[in-house]
Amino acid sequence: MRQVRTAVGLMSGTSMDGIDVALLRTDGENIVERGPALGVAYDHAFRRRLQSALVTAKSIIRREERPGDLADVERELTLRHADAVRQFLNKNNIMPDDIDVVGFHGQTVLHRPDQALTVQLGDGPLLARELGIEVVYDMRANDMVHGGQGAPLIPVYHAALARNLSTRSVFPVVLVNIGGISNLTFIGTGGEIIAFDSGPGNTLIDQWVETHAGIPFDQGGMIASEGRVVSSLVERYLANPFFHAQNRRSLDRNDFLPPSGAEASLEDGARTLAHLTAAAILKSAGHLPQKPSMYVICGGGRLNGVIMKDLTELAANEGSSVMTAEVAGLDGDSMEAEAWAYLAVRCLRGLPLTYPGTTGVREPVSGGIAVRPPSGN
C-alpha cells in the first residue's frame, strides 16, 4: 500500500486578501481525505505592500532577483504564513510532528509565461525553520524549464477530486476556480485532463470597487446587483486575442486592466465586470473538445451572486448545468490550499505536477523544491 502522508497546503492567491490553510491526507494519487481549513486575512497595510510589490517586480529579469524592498516583503510574507500555520495547528489541536510536509505556494508577483519567467515570493527554507516541518515550495519553475506555462497547477488535484465526486456528476465535467484569475479543468469521460486560464476572475472587480468605492471587494455582488451590463465593454474585453488564440496561455493579473472611470458608473462597472467573468469562462470553454455537462465552481467568485446567476444562465443556453463546490460535496474556499498539500506529496514521490494538456509542458514533469528543517529544530 502506498504511503499516505498528512500534508498542509498554503495558498495566497492573486486576490491578495489573505492566506488559506488546509489539511489533507493523501498518497498524491487517488486517496484524498480532506481535513479542516482556515482562512487568515491580511490587514490593509500588508495588502498595500503586496500591491506595491507587484509594481516593483515588473523590473525583474531573473527570477531570483529581489529589487527594492521585495526581500523584506518576502520575509514578512513567509513569517505570516508561519503564523497562519501555527494558528491552524493550535485551533485544531494538531502537533507539528503530526504533519509530514507543508506545500507552500507563496505570492505570485510576476508571471510572464512567454518569457519563461514566473516569480513567487516565499522563502521555503525560512518557513521550514520556523515550523520545524519539511516544506515544498517553488512548484511552478520546473514546468517552465520544460516548456510549460507554469500554470495552472491545480488540475491534477481537480482530477483526483472529480474521480470521487458524487454519482450525480455527469462527465465531461469542468471544475472552475474563480480567483483573481479564473482557470478551468476539463475531465473527460475517459479521464483525460485539459486545463487553462479562462480569463479575468475577481481581480478586475476588486480593482474597480477599491478605486471607486474604497472597499477591497464587492461582497456577494451587492454593488453589481444595482448596475447594468455595458455591452460594449464586455465585447471589447472578449475581443482580446487571448480568447481566440488556439494555443492557450496562462495569465498575469495585469494582462487585463479595469476600464476607465469615465466608461461606467460604480454600479455599472461592477455589474459589467461580473458579467465578463462569467462570459469569459464560457468563451474559453469553447476551446474544449466537448461541451461540459456540468461546471463545478470554486474560489471566491462563487460567492458573488451576480457572477453565478450570469454563469448559470449562459451555461444553460449551451445545455450545461452549474453548481457550487459545496453542492458537489467539496470546499470552494480551501480547494486551492488543499491542492498545494496534494502537490507537495506528489513532489516528494516524484510524480508529475503538470502535463502537456494542462500547462503545455513538453512531457509530464514533477517540480518543487523540498527543504527539511535543520536537525534538532
Protein backbone atom coordinates (compact mmCIF):
# COMPACT_ATOMS: atom_id res chain seq x y z
CA MET A 1 0.00 0.00 0.00
CA ARG A 2 1.30 3.45 -0.90
CA GLN A 3 2.22 5.68 1.99
CA VAL A 4 -0.44 8.20 2.94
CA ARG A 5 1.04 11.45 4.17
CA THR A 6 -0.52 14.21 6.23
CA ALA A 7 0.10 17.50 4.44
CA VAL A 8 -0.77 21.15 5.00
CA GLY A 9 -1.28 23.36 1.97
CA LEU A 10 -0.84 27.13 1.93
CA MET A 11 -2.26 29.45 -0.71
CA SER A 12 -2.08 33.21 -1.15
CA GLY A 13 -3.76 33.95 -4.46
CA THR A 14 -3.96 36.77 -6.95
CA SER A 15 -6.70 38.46 -4.93
CA MET A 16 -4.07 39.05 -2.22
CA ASP A 17 -6.69 39.01 0.52
CA GLY A 18 -5.05 36.52 2.85
CA ILE A 19 -3.72 33.01 3.43
CA ASP A 20 -5.74 29.83 3.06
CA VAL A 21 -4.56 26.85 5.12
CA ALA A 22 -5.88 23.32 4.61
CA LEU A 23 -5.00 19.82 5.77
CA LEU A 24 -5.06 16.79 3.51
CA ARG A 25 -4.24 13.13 3.99
CA THR A 26 -3.22 11.73 0.65
CA ASP A 27 -0.93 9.42 -1.29
CA GLY A 28 -0.68 12.07 -4.01
CA GLU A 29 -2.82 9.93 -6.29
CA ASN A 30 -6.27 8.53 -5.59
CA ILE A 31 -6.50 8.73 -1.80
CA VAL A 32 -7.84 12.15 -0.82
CA GLU A 33 -9.05 12.68 2.75
CA ARG A 34 -9.87 16.33 3.30
CA GLY A 35 -9.37 17.81 6.75
CA PRO A 36 -10.01 21.17 8.43
CA ALA A 37 -9.20 24.52 6.86
CA LEU A 38 -8.62 28.10 7.96
CA GLY A 39 -8.53 31.50 6.28
CA VAL A 40 -6.28 34.21 7.71
CA ALA A 41 -6.93 37.68 6.26
CA TYR A 42 -4.21 40.18 5.51
CA ASP A 43 -4.54 43.58 7.13
CA HIS A 44 -4.99 46.59 4.88
CA ALA A 45 -1.41 47.80 5.31
CA PHE A 46 0.12 44.49 4.20
CA ARG A 47 -2.23 44.24 1.23
CA ARG A 48 -0.91 47.63 0.19
CA ARG A 49 2.65 46.34 0.49
CA LEU A 50 1.80 43.39 -1.75
CA GLN A 51 0.18 45.70 -4.29
CA SER A 52 3.33 47.83 -4.31
CA ALA A 53 5.40 44.66 -4.71
CA LEU A 54 3.61 43.97 -8.00
CA VAL A 55 4.89 47.27 -9.35
CA THR A 56 8.42 46.71 -8.05
CA ALA A 57 8.51 43.19 -9.53
CA LYS A 58 7.97 44.48 -13.07
CA SER A 59 11.69 45.19 -13.33
CA ILE A 60 12.70 41.58 -12.59
CA ILE A 61 14.61 39.85 -15.38
CA ARG A 62 15.92 36.80 -13.47
CA ARG A 63 13.55 35.08 -11.09
CA GLU A 64 15.98 35.16 -8.14
CA GLU A 65 16.15 38.97 -8.22
CA ARG A 66 14.53 40.89 -5.37
CA PRO A 67 14.76 44.60 -6.27
CA GLY A 68 13.69 47.37 -3.92
CA ASP A 69 12.03 46.09 -0.78
CA LEU A 70 10.95 42.72 -2.23
CA ALA A 71 13.33 40.79 0.03
CA ASP A 72 11.74 42.41 3.10
CA VAL A 73 8.24 41.74 1.75
CA GLU A 74 9.19 38.11 1.08
CA ARG A 75 10.44 37.66 4.65
CA GLU A 76 7.30 39.20 6.15
CA LEU A 77 5.08 37.15 3.86
CA THR A 78 6.86 33.95 4.91
CA LEU A 79 6.60 34.77 8.63
CA ARG A 80 2.89 35.50 8.20
CA HIS A 81 2.49 32.07 6.61
CA ALA A 82 4.32 30.51 9.57
CA ASP A 83 1.97 32.28 11.97
CA ALA A 84 -1.05 31.12 9.93
CA VAL A 85 0.10 27.50 10.21
CA ARG A 86 0.60 27.87 13.97
CA GLN A 87 -2.91 29.31 14.33
CA PHE A 88 -4.28 26.43 12.29
CA LEU A 89 -2.48 23.77 14.30
CA ASN A 90 -3.46 25.32 17.64
CA LYS A 91 -7.09 25.70 16.62
CA ASN A 92 -7.32 22.04 15.59
CA ASN A 93 -5.16 20.58 18.40
CA ILE A 94 -2.60 19.27 15.94
CA MET A 95 1.07 18.93 16.80
CA PRO A 96 3.74 19.94 14.26
CA ASP A 97 5.13 16.38 14.44
CA ASP A 98 1.79 15.15 13.07
CA ILE A 99 2.45 16.98 9.77
CA ASP A 100 4.69 15.32 7.19
CA VAL A 101 5.02 18.20 4.74
CA VAL A 102 3.82 21.73 4.03
CA GLY A 103 3.06 22.79 0.45
CA PHE A 104 3.91 26.50 0.15
CA HIS A 105 2.68 28.45 -2.86
CA GLY A 106 3.90 31.90 -1.85
CA GLN A 107 2.68 35.07 -3.56
CA THR A 108 2.94 35.48 -7.31
CA VAL A 109 4.24 38.96 -8.12
CA LEU A 110 5.25 38.39 -11.74
CA HIS A 111 4.13 35.85 -14.33
CA ARG A 112 5.40 36.16 -17.90
CA PRO A 113 4.96 32.74 -19.49
CA ASP A 114 6.10 33.93 -22.90
CA GLN A 115 9.47 34.72 -21.31
CA ALA A 116 9.52 31.55 -19.17
CA LEU A 117 9.57 33.82 -16.13
CA THR A 118 7.48 33.39 -13.00
CA VAL A 119 8.19 34.78 -9.54
CA GLN A 120 6.51 33.68 -6.31
CA LEU A 121 7.67 35.44 -3.15
CA GLY A 122 8.18 32.91 -0.37
CA ASP A 123 11.25 31.69 1.50
CA GLY A 124 10.88 27.92 1.79
CA PRO A 125 13.95 27.33 4.00
CA LEU A 126 12.82 30.08 6.40
CA LEU A 127 9.34 28.56 6.64
CA ALA A 128 10.83 25.12 7.33
CA ARG A 129 13.00 26.56 10.11
CA GLU A 130 10.08 28.44 11.64
CA LEU A 131 7.76 25.43 11.65
CA GLY A 132 10.20 22.55 12.09
CA ILE A 133 8.38 20.78 9.22
CA GLU A 134 9.56 19.80 5.75
CA VAL A 135 8.40 22.34 3.15
CA VAL A 136 7.91 22.02 -0.60
CA TYR A 137 7.90 25.32 -2.47
CA ASP A 138 8.65 26.90 -5.87
CA MET A 139 6.44 24.42 -7.72
CA ARG A 140 5.98 26.33 -10.97
CA ALA A 141 9.54 26.85 -12.17
CA ASN A 142 10.40 23.35 -13.38
CA ASP A 143 7.35 23.31 -15.62
CA MET A 144 8.64 26.41 -17.38
CA VAL A 145 12.11 24.89 -17.73
CA HIS A 146 10.44 22.13 -19.74
CA GLY A 147 8.43 24.43 -21.99
CA GLY A 148 5.27 24.86 -19.91
CA GLN A 149 3.33 27.98 -18.99
CA GLY A 150 3.87 27.47 -15.27
CA ALA A 151 0.09 27.48 -14.71
CA PRO A 152 -2.39 26.19 -13.90
CA LEU A 153 -1.03 23.64 -11.41
CA ILE A 154 -4.27 22.68 -9.67
CA PRO A 155 -5.73 20.45 -12.47
CA VAL A 156 -4.09 17.22 -11.25
CA TYR A 157 -5.88 17.75 -7.92
CA HIS A 158 -9.12 18.67 -9.68
CA ALA A 159 -8.93 15.35 -11.50
CA ALA A 160 -8.46 13.46 -8.23
CA LEU A 161 -11.50 15.20 -6.78
CA ALA A 162 -13.57 14.54 -9.89
CA ARG A 163 -12.89 10.83 -9.58
CA ASN A 164 -14.52 10.95 -6.16
CA LEU A 165 -17.45 13.22 -6.94
CA SER A 166 -21.00 12.12 -6.29
CA THR A 167 -22.53 9.74 -8.85
CA ARG A 168 -24.83 12.63 -9.72
CA SER A 169 -21.92 14.06 -11.68
CA VAL A 170 -22.08 13.53 -15.41
CA PHE A 171 -18.89 13.61 -17.42
CA PRO A 172 -17.41 15.55 -19.06
CA VAL A 173 -17.22 17.86 -16.06
CA VAL A 174 -15.34 21.14 -15.65
CA LEU A 175 -14.06 22.44 -12.34
CA VAL A 176 -13.69 26.21 -12.39
CA ASN A 177 -11.70 28.24 -9.91
CA ILE A 178 -12.76 31.88 -9.88
CA GLY A 179 -9.92 33.57 -8.05
CA GLY A 180 -8.17 36.74 -9.13
CA ILE A 181 -7.71 34.97 -12.47
CA SER A 182 -10.18 32.24 -13.42
CA ASN A 183 -8.99 28.84 -14.58
CA LEU A 184 -10.80 25.69 -15.60
CA THR A 185 -10.06 21.98 -15.62
CA PHE A 186 -11.87 19.68 -18.05
CA ILE A 187 -12.09 16.00 -17.09
CA GLY A 188 -13.40 13.92 -19.96
CA THR A 189 -15.35 10.70 -19.92
CA GLY A 190 -12.11 8.75 -20.30
CA GLY A 191 -10.32 10.69 -17.58
CA GLU A 192 -8.36 12.96 -19.92
CA ILE A 193 -7.36 16.33 -18.41
CA ILE A 194 -7.29 19.66 -20.22
CA ALA A 195 -6.78 22.87 -18.30
CA PHE A 196 -6.01 26.53 -18.86
CA ASP A 197 -6.66 30.00 -17.51
CA SER A 198 -10.05 31.18 -18.74
CA GLY A 199 -9.83 34.94 -18.21
CA PRO A 200 -10.34 37.65 -15.59
CA GLY A 201 -11.83 36.48 -12.31
CA ASN A 202 -12.21 38.72 -9.29
CA THR A 203 -9.18 40.93 -9.92
CA LEU A 204 -10.86 43.47 -12.19
CA ILE A 205 -13.89 43.71 -9.93
CA ASP A 206 -11.71 44.15 -6.85
CA GLN A 207 -9.62 46.83 -8.53
CA TRP A 208 -12.75 48.62 -9.74
CA VAL A 209 -14.55 48.82 -6.40
CA GLU A 210 -11.36 49.64 -4.48
CA THR A 211 -10.65 52.53 -6.83
CA HIS A 212 -14.20 53.89 -6.96
CA ALA A 213 -15.63 52.92 -3.58
CA GLY A 214 -12.58 52.44 -1.35
CA ILE A 215 -13.51 48.84 -0.44
CA PRO A 216 -11.46 45.73 -1.25
CA PHE A 217 -14.18 43.69 -2.99
CA ASP A 218 -17.86 43.59 -3.91
CA GLN A 219 -19.23 41.34 -1.18
CA GLY A 220 -21.78 38.95 -2.60
CA GLY A 221 -22.10 41.10 -5.73
CA MET A 222 -24.18 43.69 -3.88
CA ILE A 223 -22.79 46.64 -5.86
CA ALA A 224 -23.07 44.77 -9.16
CA SER A 225 -26.69 43.89 -8.42
CA GLU A 226 -27.55 47.62 -8.60
CA GLY A 227 -25.99 48.13 -12.04
CA ARG A 228 -26.47 47.20 -15.67
CA VAL A 229 -24.17 45.49 -18.15
CA VAL A 230 -22.35 47.85 -20.51
CA SER A 231 -22.31 45.53 -23.51
CA SER A 232 -19.71 47.49 -25.45
CA LEU A 233 -17.20 46.99 -22.63
CA VAL A 234 -17.85 43.25 -22.47
CA GLU A 235 -17.46 42.95 -26.22
CA ARG A 236 -14.18 44.86 -26.09
CA TYR A 237 -12.74 42.54 -23.46
CA LEU A 238 -13.91 39.39 -25.24
CA ALA A 239 -12.30 40.63 -28.47
CA ASN A 240 -8.90 40.28 -26.78
CA PRO A 241 -6.67 37.85 -28.74
CA PHE A 242 -6.39 35.72 -25.59
CA PHE A 243 -9.89 34.36 -26.16
CA HIS A 244 -9.35 33.49 -29.82
CA ALA A 245 -5.84 32.03 -29.88
CA GLN A 246 -5.75 28.28 -30.40
CA ASN A 247 -2.74 27.94 -28.11
CA ARG A 248 -4.00 28.64 -24.61
CA ARG A 249 -1.71 30.67 -22.34
CA SER A 250 -1.63 31.45 -18.65
CA LEU A 251 -2.37 34.97 -17.48
CA ASP A 252 -0.75 37.57 -15.30
CA ARG A 253 -3.08 39.74 -13.23
CA ASN A 254 -2.01 42.75 -15.33
CA ASP A 255 -2.93 41.20 -18.70
CA PHE A 256 -6.41 42.69 -18.33
CA LEU A 257 -6.92 46.15 -16.86
CA PRO A 258 -10.12 47.69 -15.46
CA PRO A 259 -11.99 50.24 -17.59
CA SER A 260 -11.54 53.94 -17.04
CA GLY A 261 -13.81 55.70 -14.60
CA ALA A 262 -15.44 57.62 -17.46
CA GLU A 263 -16.75 54.43 -19.06
CA ALA A 264 -19.17 53.34 -16.36
CA SER A 265 -20.65 54.26 -13.00
CA LEU A 266 -19.54 52.34 -9.89
CA GLU A 267 -22.54 50.01 -10.11
CA ASP A 268 -22.47 49.56 -13.89
CA GLY A 269 -18.74 48.85 -13.82
CA ALA A 270 -19.13 46.19 -11.15
CA ARG A 271 -22.08 44.65 -13.00
CA THR A 272 -20.22 44.64 -16.31
CA LEU A 273 -17.09 43.06 -14.88
CA ALA A 274 -19.13 40.40 -13.07
CA HIS A 275 -20.78 39.52 -16.37
CA LEU A 276 -17.38 39.48 -18.07
CA THR A 277 -16.09 36.97 -15.52
CA ALA A 278 -18.93 34.59 -16.36
CA ALA A 279 -18.81 35.21 -20.11
CA ALA A 280 -15.03 34.67 -20.20
CA ILE A 281 -15.42 31.20 -18.69
CA LEU A 282 -17.92 30.15 -21.35
CA LYS A 283 -15.90 31.81 -24.11
CA SER A 284 -12.75 29.93 -23.10
CA ALA A 285 -14.67 26.68 -22.69
CA GLY A 286 -15.28 26.87 -26.42
CA HIS A 287 -11.71 25.61 -26.85
CA LEU A 288 -12.56 22.32 -25.11
CA PRO A 289 -13.10 19.16 -27.17
CA GLN A 290 -16.64 18.66 -25.81
CA LYS A 291 -19.27 20.81 -24.20
CA PRO A 292 -19.25 20.12 -20.45
CA SER A 293 -22.31 18.55 -18.88
CA MET A 294 -21.55 20.31 -15.62
CA TYR A 295 -19.48 23.17 -14.23
CA VAL A 296 -18.42 22.93 -10.57
CA ILE A 297 -17.45 26.37 -9.27
CA CYS A 298 -14.94 27.07 -6.52
CA GLY A 299 -12.93 30.09 -5.40
CA GLY A 300 -14.16 33.41 -4.07
CA GLY A 301 -16.12 34.21 -7.22
CA ARG A 302 -18.72 31.57 -6.41
CA LEU A 303 -19.86 33.84 -3.53
CA ASN A 304 -20.73 36.64 -5.97
CA GLY A 305 -24.39 36.05 -6.71
CA VAL A 306 -24.31 38.10 -9.90
CA ILE A 307 -21.44 36.10 -11.38
CA MET A 308 -23.17 32.84 -10.50
CA LYS A 309 -26.52 33.95 -11.95
CA ASP A 310 -24.92 35.00 -15.22
CA LEU A 311 -22.80 31.87 -15.41
CA THR A 312 -25.80 29.63 -14.76
CA GLU A 313 -27.83 31.35 -17.48
CA LEU A 314 -25.03 31.35 -20.04
CA ALA A 315 -24.23 27.68 -19.40
CA ALA A 316 -27.91 26.71 -19.61
CA ASN A 317 -28.04 28.24 -23.08
CA GLU A 318 -25.42 25.67 -24.07
CA GLY A 319 -27.09 22.74 -22.30
CA SER A 320 -24.80 22.67 -19.26
CA SER A 321 -25.57 22.91 -15.56
CA VAL A 322 -23.71 24.84 -12.86
CA MET A 323 -23.24 24.03 -9.20
CA THR A 324 -21.05 25.35 -6.41
CA ALA A 325 -18.29 23.22 -4.96
CA GLU A 326 -20.31 22.80 -1.76
CA VAL A 327 -23.26 21.29 -3.61
CA ALA A 328 -20.79 18.82 -5.12
CA GLY A 329 -19.53 17.92 -1.64
CA LEU A 330 -16.32 19.97 -1.87
CA ASP A 331 -14.99 23.11 -0.17
CA GLY A 332 -14.75 26.01 -2.56
CA ASP A 333 -12.70 28.14 -0.18
CA SER A 334 -9.98 25.65 0.71
CA MET A 335 -9.61 23.76 -2.57
CA GLU A 336 -6.52 25.61 -3.79
CA ALA A 337 -4.78 25.21 -0.42
CA GLU A 338 -5.72 21.52 -0.47
CA ALA A 339 -4.22 21.32 -3.94
CA TRP A 340 -0.89 22.64 -2.69
CA ALA A 341 -0.85 19.96 0.00
CA TYR A 342 -1.60 17.34 -2.67
CA LEU A 343 1.10 18.70 -4.99
CA ALA A 344 3.66 18.69 -2.16
CA VAL A 345 3.10 14.96 -1.64
CA ARG A 346 3.37 14.34 -5.38
CA CYS A 347 6.66 16.26 -5.36
CA LEU A 348 8.05 14.06 -2.56
CA ARG A 349 7.07 10.98 -4.58
CA GLY A 350 8.49 12.35 -7.83
CA LEU A 351 5.09 12.25 -9.52
CA PRO A 352 4.16 14.71 -12.29
CA LEU A 353 2.60 18.02 -11.26
CA THR A 354 1.88 19.18 -14.80
CA TYR A 355 1.06 17.65 -18.18
CA PRO A 356 1.03 18.75 -21.83
CA GLY A 357 -2.75 19.17 -21.59
CA THR A 358 -2.58 21.44 -18.56
CA THR A 359 0.36 23.81 -19.00
CA GLY A 360 1.67 22.91 -22.45
CA VAL A 361 4.80 21.35 -20.97
CA ARG A 362 6.61 19.07 -23.40
CA GLU A 363 6.12 15.97 -21.24
CA PRO A 364 4.71 15.25 -17.76
CA VAL A 365 7.09 16.68 -15.17
CA SER A 366 7.33 16.91 -11.42
CA GLY A 367 8.53 20.06 -9.72
CA GLY A 368 9.05 21.92 -6.49
CA ILE A 369 11.94 22.18 -4.06
CA ALA A 370 11.78 20.14 -0.85
CA VAL A 371 13.64 21.53 2.14
CA ARG A 372 13.84 19.99 5.58
CA PRO A 373 14.29 21.99 8.78
CA PRO A 374 17.71 21.93 10.42
CA SER A 375 18.21 18.86 12.58
CA GLY A 376 17.19 19.49 16.17
CA ASN A 377 14.73 22.18 15.15
